[in-house]
């Protein structure tokens, strides 16, 4: 029984040493990490630009609405 256990452990250790999965796993991790970083570098500036332009558009619209309200609140000048 001990011989069978030792033989199984030895064969498992040899197979683990033969399969270079750790370097392949490392490359996959680096590839995914690089793609994530690239996506973040593209997404963040675009998101900031869209947020800033939407806010400025909203501010201009609110200013126009306020000006129109002020114009409506003033009475019409009588004709001479």
N, C-alpha and C. Protein backbone atom coordinates (compact mmCIF):
# COMPACT_ATOMS: atom_id res chain seq x y z
N UNK A 1 0.82 -1.19 0.00
CA UNK A 1 0.00 0.00 0.00
C UNK A 1 0.86 1.26 0.00
N UNK A 2 1.92 1.24 0.82
CA UNK A 2 2.81 2.40 0.87
C UNK A 2 3.54 2.59 -0.45
N UNK A 3 3.88 1.49 -1.09
CA UNK A 3 4.56 1.58 -2.39
C UNK A 3 3.66 2.21 -3.45
N UNK A 4 2.38 1.82 -3.41
CA UNK A 4 1.43 2.39 -4.37
C UNK A 4 1.24 3.88 -4.13
N UNK A 5 1.17 4.28 -2.86
CA UNK A 5 1.02 5.70 -2.53
C UNK A 5 2.24 6.49 -2.96
N UNK A 6 3.43 5.94 -2.68
CA UNK A 6 4.67 6.62 -3.07
C UNK A 6 4.78 6.72 -4.59
N UNK A 7 4.38 5.67 -5.29
CA UNK A 7 4.43 5.68 -6.75
C UNK A 7 3.47 6.73 -7.32
N UNK A 8 2.28 6.84 -6.74
CA UNK A 8 1.30 7.83 -7.19
C UNK A 8 1.81 9.25 -6.95
N UNK A 9 2.38 9.47 -5.76
CA UNK A 9 2.93 10.80 -5.47
C UNK A 9 4.08 11.15 -6.40
N UNK A 10 4.94 10.19 -6.69
CA UNK A 10 6.06 10.44 -7.60
C UNK A 10 5.57 10.76 -9.01
N UNK A 11 4.57 10.01 -9.48
CA UNK A 11 4.07 10.27 -10.83
C UNK A 11 3.36 11.62 -10.90
N UNK A 12 2.67 12.00 -9.84
CA UNK A 12 2.00 13.31 -9.83
C UNK A 12 3.03 14.43 -9.82
N UNK A 13 4.11 14.26 -9.07
CA UNK A 13 5.16 15.28 -9.01
C UNK A 13 5.86 15.42 -10.36
N UNK A 14 6.09 14.29 -11.05
CA UNK A 14 6.74 14.35 -12.36
C UNK A 14 5.84 15.03 -13.38
N UNK A 15 4.56 14.72 -13.35
CA UNK A 15 3.63 15.37 -14.29
C UNK A 15 3.53 16.87 -14.03
N UNK A 16 3.53 17.26 -12.78
CA UNK A 16 3.45 18.68 -12.45
C UNK A 16 4.71 19.41 -12.90
N UNK A 17 5.84 18.73 -12.82
CA UNK A 17 7.09 19.35 -13.25
C UNK A 17 7.17 19.45 -14.77
N UNK A 18 6.52 18.54 -15.48
CA UNK A 18 6.59 18.54 -16.95
C UNK A 18 5.67 19.58 -17.57
N UNK A 19 4.56 19.91 -16.93
CA UNK A 19 3.58 20.83 -17.50
C UNK A 19 3.94 22.26 -17.10
N UNK A 20 4.34 23.10 -18.04
CA UNK A 20 4.72 24.48 -17.70
C UNK A 20 3.48 25.40 -17.67
N UNK A 21 2.52 25.09 -16.83
CA UNK A 21 1.29 25.87 -16.81
C UNK A 21 1.47 27.19 -16.08
N UNK A 22 2.45 27.27 -15.18
CA UNK A 22 2.60 28.51 -14.41
C UNK A 22 3.02 29.67 -15.30
N UNK A 23 3.89 29.42 -16.29
CA UNK A 23 4.29 30.52 -17.18
C UNK A 23 3.14 30.91 -18.12
N UNK A 24 2.38 29.91 -18.55
CA UNK A 24 1.23 30.23 -19.42
C UNK A 24 0.17 30.99 -18.63
N UNK A 25 -0.06 30.58 -17.39
CA UNK A 25 -1.03 31.30 -16.56
C UNK A 25 -0.57 32.73 -16.31
N UNK A 26 0.73 32.90 -16.12
CA UNK A 26 1.27 34.25 -15.91
C UNK A 26 1.08 35.12 -17.13
N UNK A 27 1.28 34.55 -18.31
CA UNK A 27 1.11 35.32 -19.55
C UNK A 27 -0.36 35.70 -19.76
N UNK A 28 -1.27 34.78 -19.45
CA UNK A 28 -2.69 35.08 -19.57
C UNK A 28 -3.06 36.20 -18.61
N UNK A 29 -2.56 36.13 -17.39
CA UNK A 29 -2.84 37.18 -16.41
C UNK A 29 -2.32 38.53 -16.89
N UNK A 30 -1.08 38.55 -17.39
CA UNK A 30 -0.51 39.80 -17.87
C UNK A 30 -1.29 40.36 -19.05
N UNK A 31 -1.74 39.49 -19.94
CA UNK A 31 -2.52 39.93 -21.09
C UNK A 31 -3.84 40.55 -20.65
N UNK A 32 -4.53 39.88 -19.73
CA UNK A 32 -5.81 40.41 -19.25
C UNK A 32 -5.61 41.71 -18.48
N UNK A 33 -4.55 41.77 -17.67
CA UNK A 33 -4.26 43.00 -16.92
C UNK A 33 -3.93 44.15 -17.86
N UNK A 34 -3.17 43.88 -18.92
CA UNK A 34 -2.82 44.92 -19.88
C UNK A 34 -4.07 45.41 -20.63
N UNK A 35 -4.94 44.48 -21.00
CA UNK A 35 -6.18 44.89 -21.68
C UNK A 35 -7.06 45.72 -20.75
N UNK A 36 -7.13 45.34 -19.49
CA UNK A 36 -7.91 46.12 -18.52
C UNK A 36 -7.35 47.52 -18.35
N UNK A 37 -6.04 47.63 -18.28
CA UNK A 37 -5.40 48.95 -18.16
C UNK A 37 -5.65 49.79 -19.41
N UNK A 38 -5.55 49.17 -20.57
CA UNK A 38 -5.82 49.89 -21.82
C UNK A 38 -7.26 50.38 -21.87
N UNK A 39 -8.20 49.54 -21.46
CA UNK A 39 -9.61 49.95 -21.45
C UNK A 39 -9.83 51.11 -20.49
N UNK A 40 -9.17 51.06 -19.33
CA UNK A 40 -9.31 52.15 -18.36
C UNK A 40 -8.72 53.44 -18.92
N UNK A 41 -7.59 53.34 -19.60
CA UNK A 41 -6.96 54.54 -20.16
C UNK A 41 -7.80 55.15 -21.27
N UNK A 42 -8.60 54.36 -21.95
CA UNK A 42 -9.48 54.88 -22.99
C UNK A 42 -10.78 55.39 -22.38
N UNK A 43 -11.33 54.65 -21.42
CA UNK A 43 -12.65 54.96 -20.87
C UNK A 43 -12.65 56.24 -20.03
N UNK A 44 -11.65 56.40 -19.18
CA UNK A 44 -11.66 57.53 -18.22
C UNK A 44 -11.67 58.88 -18.94
N UNK A 45 -10.79 59.15 -19.91
CA UNK A 45 -10.85 60.46 -20.57
C UNK A 45 -12.16 60.69 -21.33
N UNK A 46 -12.67 59.64 -21.98
CA UNK A 46 -13.94 59.79 -22.71
C UNK A 46 -15.07 60.10 -21.74
N UNK A 47 -15.11 59.39 -20.60
CA UNK A 47 -16.16 59.62 -19.61
C UNK A 47 -16.07 61.03 -19.04
N UNK A 48 -14.86 61.50 -18.75
CA UNK A 48 -14.69 62.87 -18.24
C UNK A 48 -15.15 63.89 -19.28
N UNK A 49 -14.78 63.69 -20.53
CA UNK A 49 -15.18 64.63 -21.58
C UNK A 49 -16.69 64.69 -21.71
N UNK A 50 -17.33 63.51 -21.75
CA UNK A 50 -18.78 63.49 -21.91
C UNK A 50 -19.49 64.11 -20.70
N UNK A 51 -18.97 63.87 -19.52
CA UNK A 51 -19.57 64.45 -18.32
C UNK A 51 -19.44 65.97 -18.33
N UNK A 52 -18.27 66.47 -18.67
CA UNK A 52 -18.07 67.92 -18.68
C UNK A 52 -18.92 68.60 -19.75
N UNK A 53 -19.01 68.01 -20.94
CA UNK A 53 -19.81 68.64 -21.98
C UNK A 53 -21.29 68.58 -21.65
N UNK A 54 -21.75 67.51 -21.02
CA UNK A 54 -23.16 67.42 -20.64
C UNK A 54 -23.48 68.46 -19.58
N UNK A 55 -22.56 68.67 -18.65
CA UNK A 55 -22.80 69.68 -17.61
C UNK A 55 -22.83 71.08 -18.19
N UNK A 56 -21.94 71.36 -19.14
CA UNK A 56 -21.94 72.70 -19.72
C UNK A 56 -23.19 72.92 -20.55
N UNK A 57 -23.63 71.88 -21.26
CA UNK A 57 -24.88 72.00 -22.02
C UNK A 57 -26.06 72.25 -21.09
N UNK A 58 -26.10 71.52 -19.98
CA UNK A 58 -27.18 71.68 -19.01
C UNK A 58 -27.16 73.08 -18.41
N UNK A 59 -25.96 73.59 -18.11
CA UNK A 59 -25.84 74.94 -17.55
C UNK A 59 -26.32 75.99 -18.53
N UNK A 60 -25.93 75.86 -19.80
CA UNK A 60 -26.40 76.83 -20.81
C UNK A 60 -27.92 76.79 -20.95
N UNK A 61 -28.48 75.60 -20.93
CA UNK A 61 -29.93 75.46 -21.03
C UNK A 61 -30.63 76.11 -19.84
N UNK A 62 -30.12 75.89 -18.64
CA UNK A 62 -30.71 76.52 -17.46
C UNK A 62 -30.61 78.04 -17.52
N UNK A 63 -29.49 78.55 -18.02
CA UNK A 63 -29.36 80.00 -18.16
C UNK A 63 -30.35 80.56 -19.16
N UNK A 64 -30.58 79.85 -20.26
CA UNK A 64 -31.59 80.30 -21.23
C UNK A 64 -32.99 80.30 -20.62
N UNK A 65 -33.29 79.26 -19.85
CA UNK A 65 -34.61 79.18 -19.21
C UNK A 65 -34.79 80.34 -18.24
N UNK A 66 -33.78 80.63 -17.44
CA UNK A 66 -33.87 81.76 -16.49
C UNK A 66 -34.07 83.08 -17.22
N UNK A 67 -33.34 83.27 -18.32
CA UNK A 67 -33.47 84.52 -19.08
C UNK A 67 -34.88 84.63 -19.66
N UNK A 68 -35.41 83.53 -20.20
CA UNK A 68 -36.77 83.57 -20.75
C UNK A 68 -37.80 83.85 -19.66
N UNK A 69 -37.62 83.29 -18.48
CA UNK A 69 -38.54 83.56 -17.38
C UNK A 69 -38.50 85.03 -16.97
N UNK A 70 -37.28 85.58 -16.93
CA UNK A 70 -37.16 87.00 -16.61
C UNK A 70 -37.84 87.86 -17.68
N UNK A 71 -37.66 87.49 -18.94
CA UNK A 71 -38.28 88.25 -20.02
C UNK A 71 -39.82 88.16 -19.95
N UNK A 72 -40.33 87.01 -19.57
CA UNK A 72 -41.79 86.85 -19.46
C UNK A 72 -42.34 87.60 -18.25
N UNK A 73 -41.54 87.78 -17.22
CA UNK A 73 -42.03 88.46 -16.02
C UNK A 73 -42.12 89.96 -16.21
N UNK A 74 -41.37 90.50 -17.18
CA UNK A 74 -41.40 91.95 -17.40
C UNK A 74 -42.63 92.32 -18.22
N UNK A 75 -43.27 93.39 -17.84
CA UNK A 75 -44.45 93.82 -18.63
C UNK A 75 -44.00 94.36 -19.99
N UNK A 76 -44.93 94.27 -20.94
CA UNK A 76 -44.65 94.79 -22.26
C UNK A 76 -44.65 96.32 -22.21
N UNK A 77 -43.76 96.93 -22.95
CA UNK A 77 -43.68 98.39 -22.99
C UNK A 77 -44.86 98.90 -23.84
N UNK A 78 -45.56 99.89 -23.35
CA UNK A 78 -46.70 100.44 -24.12
C UNK A 78 -46.19 101.13 -25.39
N UNK A 79 -46.97 101.04 -26.41
CA UNK A 79 -46.61 101.68 -27.68
C UNK A 79 -46.91 103.17 -27.57
N UNK A 80 -46.05 104.02 -28.12
CA UNK A 80 -46.29 105.48 -28.05
C UNK A 80 -47.33 105.97 -28.99
